[in-house]
N, C-alpha and C. Protein backbone atom coordinates (compact mmCIF):
# COMPACT_ATOMS: atom_id res chain seq x y z
N MET A 1 125.43 134.38 101.68
CA MET A 1 125.79 135.78 101.73
C MET A 1 124.85 136.49 102.70
N PRO A 2 125.37 137.25 103.64
CA PRO A 2 124.50 137.92 104.61
C PRO A 2 123.70 139.05 103.97
N TYR A 3 122.54 139.32 104.56
CA TYR A 3 121.71 140.42 104.08
C TYR A 3 122.35 141.74 104.46
N GLN A 4 122.13 142.74 103.63
CA GLN A 4 122.69 144.07 103.85
C GLN A 4 121.65 145.06 104.37
N HIS A 5 120.41 144.93 103.86
CA HIS A 5 119.35 145.87 104.24
C HIS A 5 118.02 145.12 104.28
N ILE A 6 117.41 145.10 105.45
CA ILE A 6 116.16 144.36 105.68
C ILE A 6 115.03 145.35 105.86
N LEU A 7 113.96 145.17 105.11
CA LEU A 7 112.78 146.02 105.19
C LEU A 7 111.65 145.22 105.84
N VAL A 8 111.08 145.76 106.93
CA VAL A 8 109.99 145.09 107.63
C VAL A 8 108.70 145.86 107.35
N ALA A 9 107.71 145.19 106.78
CA ALA A 9 106.41 145.80 106.52
C ALA A 9 105.52 145.56 107.73
N VAL A 10 104.99 146.64 108.31
CA VAL A 10 104.18 146.53 109.52
C VAL A 10 102.83 147.21 109.34
N ASP A 11 101.82 146.68 110.05
CA ASP A 11 100.51 147.33 110.04
C ASP A 11 100.26 148.11 111.33
N LEU A 12 101.30 148.22 112.14
CA LEU A 12 101.29 149.00 113.38
C LEU A 12 100.42 148.43 114.49
N THR A 13 100.10 147.14 114.40
CA THR A 13 99.38 146.47 115.48
C THR A 13 100.40 145.79 116.39
N ASP A 14 99.97 145.43 117.58
CA ASP A 14 100.87 144.74 118.52
C ASP A 14 101.33 143.39 117.98
N GLU A 15 100.55 142.80 117.08
CA GLU A 15 100.93 141.53 116.46
C GLU A 15 102.26 141.62 115.73
N CYS A 16 102.63 142.82 115.31
CA CYS A 16 103.83 143.00 114.48
C CYS A 16 105.14 143.00 115.27
N HIS A 17 105.07 143.21 116.58
CA HIS A 17 106.31 143.28 117.34
C HIS A 17 107.17 142.01 117.23
N PRO A 18 106.59 140.81 117.29
CA PRO A 18 107.43 139.62 117.09
C PRO A 18 108.07 139.57 115.69
N VAL A 19 107.38 140.11 114.70
CA VAL A 19 107.92 140.16 113.34
C VAL A 19 109.14 141.09 113.31
N VAL A 20 109.00 142.25 113.94
CA VAL A 20 110.12 143.19 113.99
C VAL A 20 111.28 142.60 114.78
N ARG A 21 110.98 141.94 115.89
CA ARG A 21 112.05 141.32 116.69
C ARG A 21 112.80 140.25 115.88
N ARG A 22 112.07 139.47 115.09
CA ARG A 22 112.72 138.46 114.25
C ARG A 22 113.63 139.14 113.22
N ALA A 23 113.13 140.21 112.62
CA ALA A 23 113.93 140.94 111.65
C ALA A 23 115.15 141.59 112.31
N GLN A 24 114.98 142.09 113.54
CA GLN A 24 116.10 142.67 114.29
C GLN A 24 117.19 141.62 114.51
N ALA A 25 116.78 140.43 114.90
CA ALA A 25 117.75 139.36 115.15
C ALA A 25 118.52 139.03 113.87
N LEU A 26 117.81 138.97 112.74
CA LEU A 26 118.48 138.72 111.46
C LEU A 26 119.44 139.85 111.12
N ALA A 27 118.98 141.08 111.34
CA ALA A 27 119.82 142.24 111.02
C ALA A 27 121.09 142.24 111.88
N GLN A 28 120.94 141.94 113.17
CA GLN A 28 122.10 141.91 114.06
C GLN A 28 123.07 140.80 113.66
N ALA A 29 122.52 139.64 113.32
CA ALA A 29 123.37 138.50 112.95
C ALA A 29 124.17 138.77 111.68
N SER A 30 123.58 139.51 110.75
CA SER A 30 124.27 139.78 109.48
C SER A 30 124.80 141.21 109.38
N LYS A 31 124.67 141.96 110.48
CA LYS A 31 125.12 143.36 110.52
C LYS A 31 124.46 144.18 109.41
N ALA A 32 123.16 143.93 109.20
CA ALA A 32 122.40 144.60 108.15
C ALA A 32 121.68 145.82 108.71
N LYS A 33 121.38 146.73 107.83
CA LYS A 33 120.54 147.88 108.17
C LYS A 33 119.09 147.37 108.25
N LEU A 34 118.31 147.92 109.17
CA LEU A 34 116.91 147.52 109.33
C LEU A 34 116.03 148.74 109.12
N SER A 35 114.99 148.60 108.32
CA SER A 35 114.03 149.68 108.08
C SER A 35 112.62 149.16 108.25
N LEU A 36 111.71 150.05 108.66
CA LEU A 36 110.28 149.74 108.78
C LEU A 36 109.51 150.49 107.72
N VAL A 37 108.43 149.88 107.25
CA VAL A 37 107.51 150.59 106.36
C VAL A 37 106.08 150.27 106.77
N HIS A 38 105.25 151.30 106.72
CA HIS A 38 103.81 151.14 106.89
C HIS A 38 103.16 151.80 105.69
N ILE A 39 102.17 151.12 105.13
CA ILE A 39 101.48 151.63 103.94
C ILE A 39 100.07 152.05 104.32
N VAL A 40 99.71 153.27 103.94
CA VAL A 40 98.35 153.76 104.11
C VAL A 40 97.64 153.54 102.78
N GLU A 41 96.61 152.71 102.81
CA GLU A 41 95.87 152.42 101.58
C GLU A 41 94.85 153.51 101.28
N PRO A 42 94.66 153.83 100.00
CA PRO A 42 93.62 154.80 99.65
C PRO A 42 92.26 154.31 100.14
N MET A 43 91.48 155.21 100.72
CA MET A 43 90.17 154.83 101.25
C MET A 43 89.27 154.26 100.16
N ALA A 44 89.41 154.75 98.96
CA ALA A 44 88.57 154.26 97.87
C ALA A 44 88.78 152.76 97.64
N MET A 45 90.00 152.26 97.92
CA MET A 45 90.27 150.82 97.75
C MET A 45 89.40 150.00 98.69
N ALA A 46 89.17 150.52 99.88
CA ALA A 46 88.35 149.80 100.85
C ALA A 46 86.90 149.70 100.39
N PHE A 47 86.49 150.67 99.57
CA PHE A 47 85.11 150.68 99.08
C PHE A 47 84.99 150.08 97.69
N GLY A 48 86.07 149.52 97.19
CA GLY A 48 86.02 148.85 95.90
C GLY A 48 86.09 149.78 94.70
N GLY A 49 86.69 150.94 94.84
CA GLY A 49 86.86 151.81 93.68
C GLY A 49 86.25 153.18 93.86
N ASP A 50 85.36 153.51 92.94
CA ASP A 50 84.78 154.86 92.92
C ASP A 50 83.89 155.12 94.12
N VAL A 51 84.13 156.27 94.74
CA VAL A 51 83.32 156.72 95.87
C VAL A 51 82.75 158.07 95.47
N PRO A 52 81.45 158.25 95.61
CA PRO A 52 80.82 159.48 95.13
C PRO A 52 81.01 160.70 96.04
N MET A 53 82.16 160.77 96.73
CA MET A 53 82.43 161.94 97.56
C MET A 53 83.94 162.17 97.63
N ASP A 54 84.32 163.36 98.04
CA ASP A 54 85.73 163.70 98.16
C ASP A 54 86.25 163.21 99.51
N LEU A 55 87.19 162.29 99.46
CA LEU A 55 87.75 161.71 100.69
C LEU A 55 89.12 162.29 101.03
N SER A 56 89.54 163.33 100.33
CA SER A 56 90.91 163.83 100.51
C SER A 56 91.20 164.32 101.93
N MET A 57 90.24 164.99 102.57
CA MET A 57 90.46 165.46 103.95
C MET A 57 90.59 164.27 104.91
N LEU A 58 89.70 163.30 104.76
CA LEU A 58 89.77 162.10 105.60
C LEU A 58 91.05 161.34 105.36
N GLN A 59 91.44 161.26 104.09
CA GLN A 59 92.67 160.55 103.74
C GLN A 59 93.88 161.24 104.36
N GLN A 60 93.91 162.56 104.34
CA GLN A 60 95.02 163.30 104.94
C GLN A 60 95.07 163.06 106.45
N GLN A 61 93.91 163.06 107.09
CA GLN A 61 93.85 162.78 108.53
C GLN A 61 94.37 161.37 108.82
N GLN A 62 93.94 160.42 108.01
CA GLN A 62 94.37 159.04 108.17
C GLN A 62 95.90 158.95 108.04
N PHE A 63 96.46 159.67 107.08
CA PHE A 63 97.91 159.65 106.85
C PHE A 63 98.64 160.25 108.05
N GLU A 64 98.15 161.35 108.58
CA GLU A 64 98.79 162.00 109.73
C GLU A 64 98.71 161.11 110.98
N GLN A 65 97.56 160.46 111.16
CA GLN A 65 97.42 159.52 112.29
C GLN A 65 98.40 158.36 112.14
N ALA A 66 98.54 157.87 110.91
CA ALA A 66 99.48 156.77 110.66
C ALA A 66 100.92 157.21 110.94
N ARG A 67 101.25 158.46 110.60
CA ARG A 67 102.59 158.98 110.88
C ARG A 67 102.86 158.97 112.38
N GLU A 68 101.88 159.42 113.18
CA GLU A 68 102.02 159.43 114.64
C GLU A 68 102.13 158.01 115.19
N ARG A 69 101.29 157.11 114.68
CA ARG A 69 101.32 155.72 115.14
C ARG A 69 102.65 155.05 114.78
N LEU A 70 103.18 155.36 113.60
CA LEU A 70 104.48 154.80 113.21
C LEU A 70 105.58 155.29 114.14
N GLN A 71 105.55 156.58 114.49
CA GLN A 71 106.55 157.13 115.41
C GLN A 71 106.48 156.41 116.76
N THR A 72 105.26 156.22 117.27
CA THR A 72 105.08 155.53 118.55
C THR A 72 105.54 154.08 118.46
N PHE A 73 105.09 153.39 117.41
CA PHE A 73 105.45 151.98 117.21
C PHE A 73 106.97 151.82 117.11
N ALA A 74 107.59 152.62 116.24
CA ALA A 74 109.02 152.50 115.99
C ALA A 74 109.85 153.02 117.16
N GLY A 75 109.26 153.87 117.99
CA GLY A 75 109.97 154.41 119.14
C GLY A 75 110.42 153.35 120.12
N ILE A 76 109.77 152.21 120.09
CA ILE A 76 110.14 151.07 120.95
C ILE A 76 111.52 150.54 120.56
N TYR A 77 111.87 150.73 119.30
CA TYR A 77 113.13 150.20 118.77
C TYR A 77 114.11 151.36 118.61
N SER A 78 114.89 151.61 119.66
CA SER A 78 115.76 152.79 119.73
C SER A 78 116.77 152.87 118.59
N GLU A 79 117.15 151.74 118.02
CA GLU A 79 118.15 151.79 116.95
C GLU A 79 117.57 152.25 115.61
N LEU A 80 116.25 152.37 115.51
CA LEU A 80 115.63 152.81 114.25
C LEU A 80 115.55 154.33 114.21
N THR A 81 116.39 154.92 113.37
CA THR A 81 116.39 156.37 113.22
C THR A 81 115.25 156.80 112.29
N ALA A 82 115.02 158.09 112.22
CA ALA A 82 113.93 158.62 111.40
C ALA A 82 114.05 158.19 109.94
N ASP A 83 115.27 158.11 109.43
CA ASP A 83 115.44 157.72 108.02
C ASP A 83 115.24 156.22 107.79
N GLN A 84 115.02 155.47 108.86
CA GLN A 84 114.73 154.03 108.74
C GLN A 84 113.25 153.74 108.95
N ARG A 85 112.44 154.78 109.07
CA ARG A 85 110.99 154.65 109.25
C ARG A 85 110.33 155.25 108.02
N HIS A 86 109.57 154.42 107.32
CA HIS A 86 108.97 154.87 106.07
C HIS A 86 107.45 154.75 106.13
N LEU A 87 106.80 155.77 105.61
CA LEU A 87 105.34 155.79 105.52
C LEU A 87 105.01 156.07 104.06
N ALA A 88 104.22 155.23 103.47
CA ALA A 88 103.88 155.40 102.06
C ALA A 88 102.37 155.32 101.89
N TYR A 89 101.90 155.86 100.78
CA TYR A 89 100.49 155.89 100.45
C TYR A 89 100.29 155.14 99.14
N GLY A 90 99.39 154.16 99.15
CA GLY A 90 99.11 153.43 97.92
C GLY A 90 98.76 151.98 98.17
N GLN A 91 98.93 151.17 97.14
CA GLN A 91 98.64 149.74 97.21
C GLN A 91 99.85 149.08 97.89
N PRO A 92 99.63 148.33 98.98
CA PRO A 92 100.76 147.80 99.77
C PRO A 92 101.82 147.07 98.96
N ARG A 93 101.43 146.14 98.12
CA ARG A 93 102.41 145.37 97.36
C ARG A 93 103.30 146.28 96.53
N GLN A 94 102.69 147.18 95.79
CA GLN A 94 103.46 148.07 94.91
C GLN A 94 104.39 148.97 95.71
N GLU A 95 103.89 149.51 96.80
CA GLU A 95 104.70 150.44 97.60
C GLU A 95 105.84 149.73 98.33
N ILE A 96 105.59 148.53 98.82
CA ILE A 96 106.65 147.77 99.49
C ILE A 96 107.74 147.39 98.48
N HIS A 97 107.32 146.94 97.30
CA HIS A 97 108.29 146.60 96.25
C HIS A 97 109.08 147.83 95.83
N ARG A 98 108.38 148.96 95.63
CA ARG A 98 109.04 150.20 95.21
C ARG A 98 110.09 150.62 96.24
N LEU A 99 109.69 150.62 97.51
CA LEU A 99 110.60 151.05 98.56
C LEU A 99 111.79 150.09 98.69
N ALA A 100 111.54 148.80 98.58
CA ALA A 100 112.63 147.81 98.66
C ALA A 100 113.66 148.07 97.56
N GLU A 101 113.19 148.36 96.35
CA GLU A 101 114.11 148.66 95.25
C GLU A 101 114.83 149.97 95.48
N GLU A 102 114.06 150.99 95.85
CA GLU A 102 114.61 152.33 96.08
C GLU A 102 115.70 152.33 97.16
N GLN A 103 115.47 151.57 98.22
CA GLN A 103 116.38 151.54 99.36
C GLN A 103 117.47 150.47 99.23
N GLY A 104 117.42 149.68 98.16
CA GLY A 104 118.42 148.64 97.97
C GLY A 104 118.30 147.50 98.98
N CYS A 105 117.06 147.17 99.36
CA CYS A 105 116.84 146.10 100.33
C CYS A 105 117.03 144.74 99.66
N ASP A 106 117.57 143.80 100.42
CA ASP A 106 117.73 142.46 99.87
C ASP A 106 116.89 141.43 100.63
N LEU A 107 116.08 141.90 101.59
CA LEU A 107 115.13 141.04 102.27
C LEU A 107 113.95 141.88 102.74
N ILE A 108 112.74 141.38 102.46
CA ILE A 108 111.50 141.97 102.96
C ILE A 108 110.94 141.00 103.97
N VAL A 109 110.59 141.49 105.16
CA VAL A 109 110.00 140.65 106.20
C VAL A 109 108.57 141.10 106.41
N VAL A 110 107.64 140.14 106.37
CA VAL A 110 106.22 140.43 106.58
C VAL A 110 105.64 139.44 107.58
N GLY A 111 104.57 139.83 108.23
CA GLY A 111 103.86 138.93 109.11
C GLY A 111 102.91 138.07 108.31
N SER A 112 102.68 136.86 108.78
CA SER A 112 101.83 135.92 108.06
C SER A 112 100.92 135.19 109.03
N HIS A 113 99.65 135.10 108.66
CA HIS A 113 98.71 134.29 109.44
C HIS A 113 98.78 132.87 108.91
N GLY A 114 99.07 131.91 109.77
CA GLY A 114 99.17 130.52 109.32
C GLY A 114 97.80 129.89 109.20
N ARG A 115 97.26 129.93 108.01
CA ARG A 115 95.95 129.32 107.76
C ARG A 115 96.14 128.14 106.83
N HIS A 116 95.09 127.34 106.68
CA HIS A 116 95.19 126.17 105.83
C HIS A 116 94.92 126.53 104.38
N GLY A 117 95.55 125.77 103.50
CA GLY A 117 95.35 125.97 102.08
C GLY A 117 96.35 126.97 101.52
N LEU A 118 96.81 126.72 100.32
CA LEU A 118 97.84 127.56 99.72
C LEU A 118 97.40 129.01 99.60
N ALA A 119 96.18 129.27 99.17
CA ALA A 119 95.72 130.65 98.98
C ALA A 119 95.66 131.42 100.29
N LEU A 120 95.40 130.73 101.39
CA LEU A 120 95.28 131.40 102.68
C LEU A 120 96.56 131.35 103.50
N LEU A 121 97.56 130.67 102.97
CA LEU A 121 98.78 130.43 103.73
C LEU A 121 99.40 131.71 104.27
N LEU A 122 99.51 132.73 103.44
CA LEU A 122 100.21 133.94 103.86
C LEU A 122 99.28 135.09 104.24
N GLY A 123 98.05 135.08 103.77
CA GLY A 123 97.22 136.26 103.95
C GLY A 123 97.40 137.14 102.72
N SER A 124 96.48 138.03 102.50
CA SER A 124 96.47 138.76 101.24
C SER A 124 97.69 139.66 101.05
N THR A 125 98.05 140.47 102.03
CA THR A 125 99.18 141.39 101.84
C THR A 125 100.49 140.63 101.73
N ALA A 126 100.73 139.69 102.63
CA ALA A 126 101.98 138.92 102.57
C ALA A 126 102.09 138.15 101.26
N ASN A 127 100.99 137.58 100.82
CA ASN A 127 100.97 136.84 99.56
C ASN A 127 101.26 137.78 98.39
N ASP A 128 100.65 138.96 98.40
CA ASP A 128 100.90 139.95 97.35
C ASP A 128 102.36 140.36 97.30
N VAL A 129 102.95 140.60 98.47
CA VAL A 129 104.34 141.04 98.54
C VAL A 129 105.26 139.98 97.97
N LEU A 130 104.97 138.73 98.23
CA LEU A 130 105.79 137.63 97.76
C LEU A 130 105.90 137.62 96.24
N HIS A 131 104.80 137.84 95.56
CA HIS A 131 104.77 137.78 94.10
C HIS A 131 105.37 139.04 93.49
N GLY A 132 106.41 138.85 92.73
CA GLY A 132 107.05 139.97 92.04
C GLY A 132 108.00 140.77 92.91
N ALA A 133 108.33 140.26 94.09
CA ALA A 133 109.24 140.98 94.97
C ALA A 133 110.61 141.10 94.32
N PRO A 134 111.29 142.23 94.54
CA PRO A 134 112.61 142.43 93.94
C PRO A 134 113.74 141.76 94.73
N CYS A 135 113.39 141.05 95.80
CA CYS A 135 114.40 140.40 96.65
C CYS A 135 113.73 139.26 97.42
N ASP A 136 114.47 138.67 98.34
CA ASP A 136 113.92 137.60 99.17
C ASP A 136 112.81 138.14 100.06
N VAL A 137 111.88 137.26 100.40
CA VAL A 137 110.78 137.62 101.31
C VAL A 137 110.72 136.56 102.40
N LEU A 138 110.66 137.03 103.65
CA LEU A 138 110.50 136.13 104.79
C LEU A 138 109.14 136.41 105.41
N ALA A 139 108.31 135.37 105.49
CA ALA A 139 107.01 135.49 106.15
C ALA A 139 107.13 134.91 107.55
N VAL A 140 106.94 135.77 108.54
CA VAL A 140 107.03 135.36 109.94
C VAL A 140 105.61 135.08 110.43
N ARG A 141 105.41 133.90 110.95
CA ARG A 141 104.08 133.50 111.39
C ARG A 141 103.64 134.33 112.59
N LEU A 142 102.44 134.91 112.46
CA LEU A 142 101.86 135.70 113.54
C LEU A 142 101.11 134.78 114.48
N LYS A 143 101.25 135.05 115.75
CA LYS A 143 100.50 134.28 116.75
C LYS A 143 99.05 134.78 116.78
N LYS A 144 98.13 133.86 117.00
CA LYS A 144 96.73 134.25 117.12
C LYS A 144 96.54 135.00 118.44
N PRO A 145 95.81 136.13 118.41
CA PRO A 145 95.54 136.82 119.67
C PRO A 145 94.72 135.95 120.58
N GLU A 146 95.07 135.95 121.87
CA GLU A 146 94.36 135.06 122.81
C GLU A 146 93.19 135.76 123.45
């Protein structure tokens, strides 16, 4: 059965373009809708939890910068309209799963670093997305930067 709606999770780096192109090819082959999502993680998560200062202003700046970067990144793909570009705030796995359910996606596409060993096979975000996903997940191998 062909996919109807494909969600591509991106970190807005140049490494992600081959992932988006792979998802585009799948979407075209199955005449599916294609959407992008980028997740802005809470700054406190990077510091392991409690931070003894108010990060709300920095967090808002980070979110606005991510919005601009998503517009620039997605602008390369003319078929992606504004309603197919999603920016969320939170823990990546939870937000990607939430959005996939909310949007009725039947495939999530993520980039994956091909490392050795089962725990390192997908990388932390791709591995997290795989577990408990509400639909199929495709991990596209990222090329190592040269």
